[in-house]
């Protein structure tokens, strides 16, 4: 598990517009023009957010002619989920020792 890719994943998940993109892609593969229409954003703004999601490995693009269709990259979501699950495994956190000056 690459810590850099995990950090990129959580950064990508930190933006409300990117979360909306992911919610739309949960239902079906979509092209940029469809995403722009539904989200009511410009293509340049959406392209920036799609780039962030792609760099994090959360979405993937498939070219069909001149169109690129985006879909979720589910294995990367599993990586993030597994990373978080490691924190659930710690039932008890040991308190810090007293600091002495």
C-alpha atoms as a PDB file:
ATOM      1  CA  UNK A   1       0.000   0.000   0.000  1.00  0.00           C
ATOM      2  CA  UNK A   2       1.635   3.226  -1.129  1.00  0.00           C
ATOM      3  CA  UNK A   3       1.244   5.967   1.487  1.00  0.00           C
ATOM      4  CA  UNK A   4       1.470   8.574  -1.295  1.00  0.00           C
ATOM      5  CA  UNK A   5      -1.444   7.012  -3.173  1.00  0.00           C
ATOM      6  CA  UNK A   6      -3.454   6.793   0.045  1.00  0.00           C
ATOM      7  CA  UNK A   7      -2.788  10.478   0.772  1.00  0.00           C
ATOM      8  CA  UNK A   8      -3.818  11.367  -2.791  1.00  0.00           C
ATOM      9  CA  UNK A   9      -6.999   9.334  -2.322  1.00  0.00           C
ATOM     10  CA  UNK A  10      -8.024  11.135   0.836  1.00  0.00           C
ATOM     11  CA  UNK A  11      -7.149  14.493  -0.707  1.00  0.00           C
ATOM     12  CA  UNK A  12      -9.359  13.636  -3.692  1.00  0.00           C
ATOM     13  CA  UNK A  13     -12.204  12.739  -1.338  1.00  0.00           C
ATOM     14  CA  UNK A  14     -11.935  16.084   0.472  1.00  0.00           C
ATOM     15  CA  UNK A  15     -13.783  18.150  -2.134  1.00  0.00           C
ATOM     16  CA  UNK A  16     -17.600  18.264  -2.365  1.00  0.00           C
ATOM     17  CA  UNK A  17     -17.624  18.464  -6.174  1.00  0.00           C
ATOM     18  CA  UNK A  18     -15.360  15.436  -6.479  1.00  0.00           C
ATOM     19  CA  UNK A  19     -17.651  13.545  -4.109  1.00  0.00           C
ATOM     20  CA  UNK A  20     -20.588  14.430  -6.351  1.00  0.00           C
ATOM     21  CA  UNK A  21     -18.664  13.110  -9.369  1.00  0.00           C
ATOM     22  CA  UNK A  22     -17.997   9.846  -7.543  1.00  0.00           C
ATOM     23  CA  UNK A  23     -21.652   9.550  -6.545  1.00  0.00           C
ATOM     24  CA  UNK A  24     -22.694   9.902 -10.187  1.00  0.00           C
ATOM     25  CA  UNK A  25     -20.127   7.346 -11.319  1.00  0.00           C
ATOM     26  CA  UNK A  26     -21.428   4.852  -8.744  1.00  0.00           C
ATOM     27  CA  UNK A  27     -24.467   4.394 -10.970  1.00  0.00           C
ATOM     28  CA  UNK A  28     -22.886   4.311 -14.433  1.00  0.00           C
ATOM     29  CA  UNK A  29     -19.998   5.266 -16.641  1.00  0.00           C
ATOM     30  CA  UNK A  30     -20.336   8.867 -17.893  1.00  0.00           C
ATOM     31  CA  UNK A  31     -18.583  11.173 -20.348  1.00  0.00           C
ATOM     32  CA  UNK A  32     -17.375  14.653 -19.483  1.00  0.00           C
ATOM     33  CA  UNK A  33     -20.267  16.379 -21.247  1.00  0.00           C
ATOM     34  CA  UNK A  34     -22.815  14.365 -19.230  1.00  0.00           C
ATOM     35  CA  UNK A  35     -20.993  15.124 -15.978  1.00  0.00           C
ATOM     36  CA  UNK A  36     -20.827  18.837 -16.843  1.00  0.00           C
ATOM     37  CA  UNK A  37     -24.557  18.931 -17.572  1.00  0.00           C
ATOM     38  CA  UNK A  38     -25.597  17.203 -14.362  1.00  0.00           C
ATOM     39  CA  UNK A  39     -23.131  19.068 -12.139  1.00  0.00           C
ATOM     40  CA  UNK A  40     -23.673  22.393 -13.896  1.00  0.00           C
ATOM     41  CA  UNK A  41     -19.943  23.159 -14.125  1.00  0.00           C
ATOM     42  CA  UNK A  42     -17.661  24.123 -16.987  1.00  0.00           C
ATOM     43  CA  UNK A  43     -15.544  21.520 -18.704  1.00  0.00           C
ATOM     44  CA  UNK A  44     -12.320  23.211 -17.560  1.00  0.00           C
ATOM     45  CA  UNK A  45     -13.415  23.113 -13.900  1.00  0.00           C
ATOM     46  CA  UNK A  46     -14.505  19.492 -14.183  1.00  0.00           C
ATOM     47  CA  UNK A  47     -11.272  18.515 -15.958  1.00  0.00           C
ATOM     48  CA  UNK A  48      -9.262  19.789 -12.993  1.00  0.00           C
ATOM     49  CA  UNK A  49     -11.290  17.649 -10.586  1.00  0.00           C
ATOM     50  CA  UNK A  50     -11.204  14.576 -12.838  1.00  0.00           C
ATOM     51  CA  UNK A  51      -7.419  14.905 -13.038  1.00  0.00           C
ATOM     52  CA  UNK A  52      -7.240  14.880  -9.235  1.00  0.00           C
ATOM     53  CA  UNK A  53      -9.475  11.790  -9.070  1.00  0.00           C
ATOM     54  CA  UNK A  54      -7.425  10.026 -11.752  1.00  0.00           C
ATOM     55  CA  UNK A  55      -4.113  10.807 -10.037  1.00  0.00           C
ATOM     56  CA  UNK A  56      -5.548   9.305  -6.856  1.00  0.00           C
ATOM     57  CA  UNK A  57      -6.527   6.199  -8.799  1.00  0.00           C
ATOM     58  CA  UNK A  58     -10.207   6.595  -7.905  1.00  0.00           C
ATOM     59  CA  UNK A  59     -11.492   6.955 -11.468  1.00  0.00           C
ATOM     60  CA  UNK A  60     -10.374   5.664 -14.825  1.00  0.00           C
ATOM     61  CA  UNK A  61     -11.065   6.864 -18.321  1.00  0.00           C
ATOM     62  CA  UNK A  62     -11.949   4.843 -21.397  1.00  0.00           C
ATOM     63  CA  UNK A  63     -11.651   6.479 -24.798  1.00  0.00           C
ATOM     64  CA  UNK A  64     -14.330   5.752 -27.386  1.00  0.00           C
ATOM     65  CA  UNK A  65     -13.713   7.785 -30.511  1.00  0.00           C
ATOM     66  CA  UNK A  66     -13.326  11.388 -29.445  1.00  0.00           C
ATOM     67  CA  UNK A  67     -15.130  10.868 -26.130  1.00  0.00           C
ATOM     68  CA  UNK A  68     -13.667   9.746 -22.813  1.00  0.00           C
ATOM     69  CA  UNK A  69     -15.966   7.842 -20.497  1.00  0.00           C
ATOM     70  CA  UNK A  70     -15.191   7.799 -16.795  1.00  0.00           C
ATOM     71  CA  UNK A  71     -15.912   5.076 -14.265  1.00  0.00           C
ATOM     72  CA  UNK A  72     -14.900   4.193 -10.727  1.00  0.00           C
ATOM     73  CA  UNK A  73     -11.706   2.254 -10.134  1.00  0.00           C
ATOM     74  CA  UNK A  74     -13.111   0.039  -7.387  1.00  0.00           C
ATOM     75  CA  UNK A  75      -9.830  -1.656  -6.370  1.00  0.00           C
ATOM     76  CA  UNK A  76      -8.454   1.710  -5.208  1.00  0.00           C
ATOM     77  CA  UNK A  77     -11.502   2.250  -3.009  1.00  0.00           C
ATOM     78  CA  UNK A  78     -10.775  -1.141  -1.456  1.00  0.00           C
ATOM     79  CA  UNK A  79      -7.210  -0.008  -0.712  1.00  0.00           C
ATOM     80  CA  UNK A  80      -8.493   3.076   1.125  1.00  0.00           C
ATOM     81  CA  UNK A  81     -11.057   1.000   2.971  1.00  0.00           C
ATOM     82  CA  UNK A  82      -8.384  -1.482   4.068  1.00  0.00           C
ATOM     83  CA  UNK A  83      -6.158   1.366   5.255  1.00  0.00           C
ATOM     84  CA  UNK A  84      -8.975   2.725   7.429  1.00  0.00           C
ATOM     85  CA  UNK A  85      -9.873  -0.720   8.718  1.00  0.00           C
ATOM     86  CA  UNK A  86      -6.428  -0.966  10.309  1.00  0.00           C
ATOM     87  CA  UNK A  87      -7.490   1.772  12.732  1.00  0.00           C
ATOM     88  CA  UNK A  88     -10.555  -0.209  13.804  1.00  0.00           C
ATOM     89  CA  UNK A  89      -8.340  -3.097  14.834  1.00  0.00           C
ATOM     90  CA  UNK A  90      -6.853  -1.143  17.725  1.00  0.00           C
ATOM     91  CA  UNK A  91      -9.301  -1.871  20.526  1.00  0.00           C
ATOM     92  CA  UNK A  92      -7.286  -0.093  23.175  1.00  0.00           C
ATOM     93  CA  UNK A  93      -4.849   2.748  22.750  1.00  0.00           C
ATOM     94  CA  UNK A  94      -2.102   2.799  25.326  1.00  0.00           C
ATOM     95  CA  UNK A  95      -1.917   6.156  27.138  1.00  0.00           C
ATOM     96  CA  UNK A  96       1.238   8.218  26.807  1.00  0.00           C
ATOM     97  CA  UNK A  97       3.861   8.092  29.522  1.00  0.00           C
ATOM     98  CA  UNK A  98       4.301  11.206  31.620  1.00  0.00           C
ATOM     99  CA  UNK A  99       6.777  13.688  30.217  1.00  0.00           C
ATOM    100  CA  UNK A 100       9.494  14.861  32.575  1.00  0.00           C
ATOM    101  CA  UNK A 101      11.199  18.231  32.225  1.00  0.00           C
END
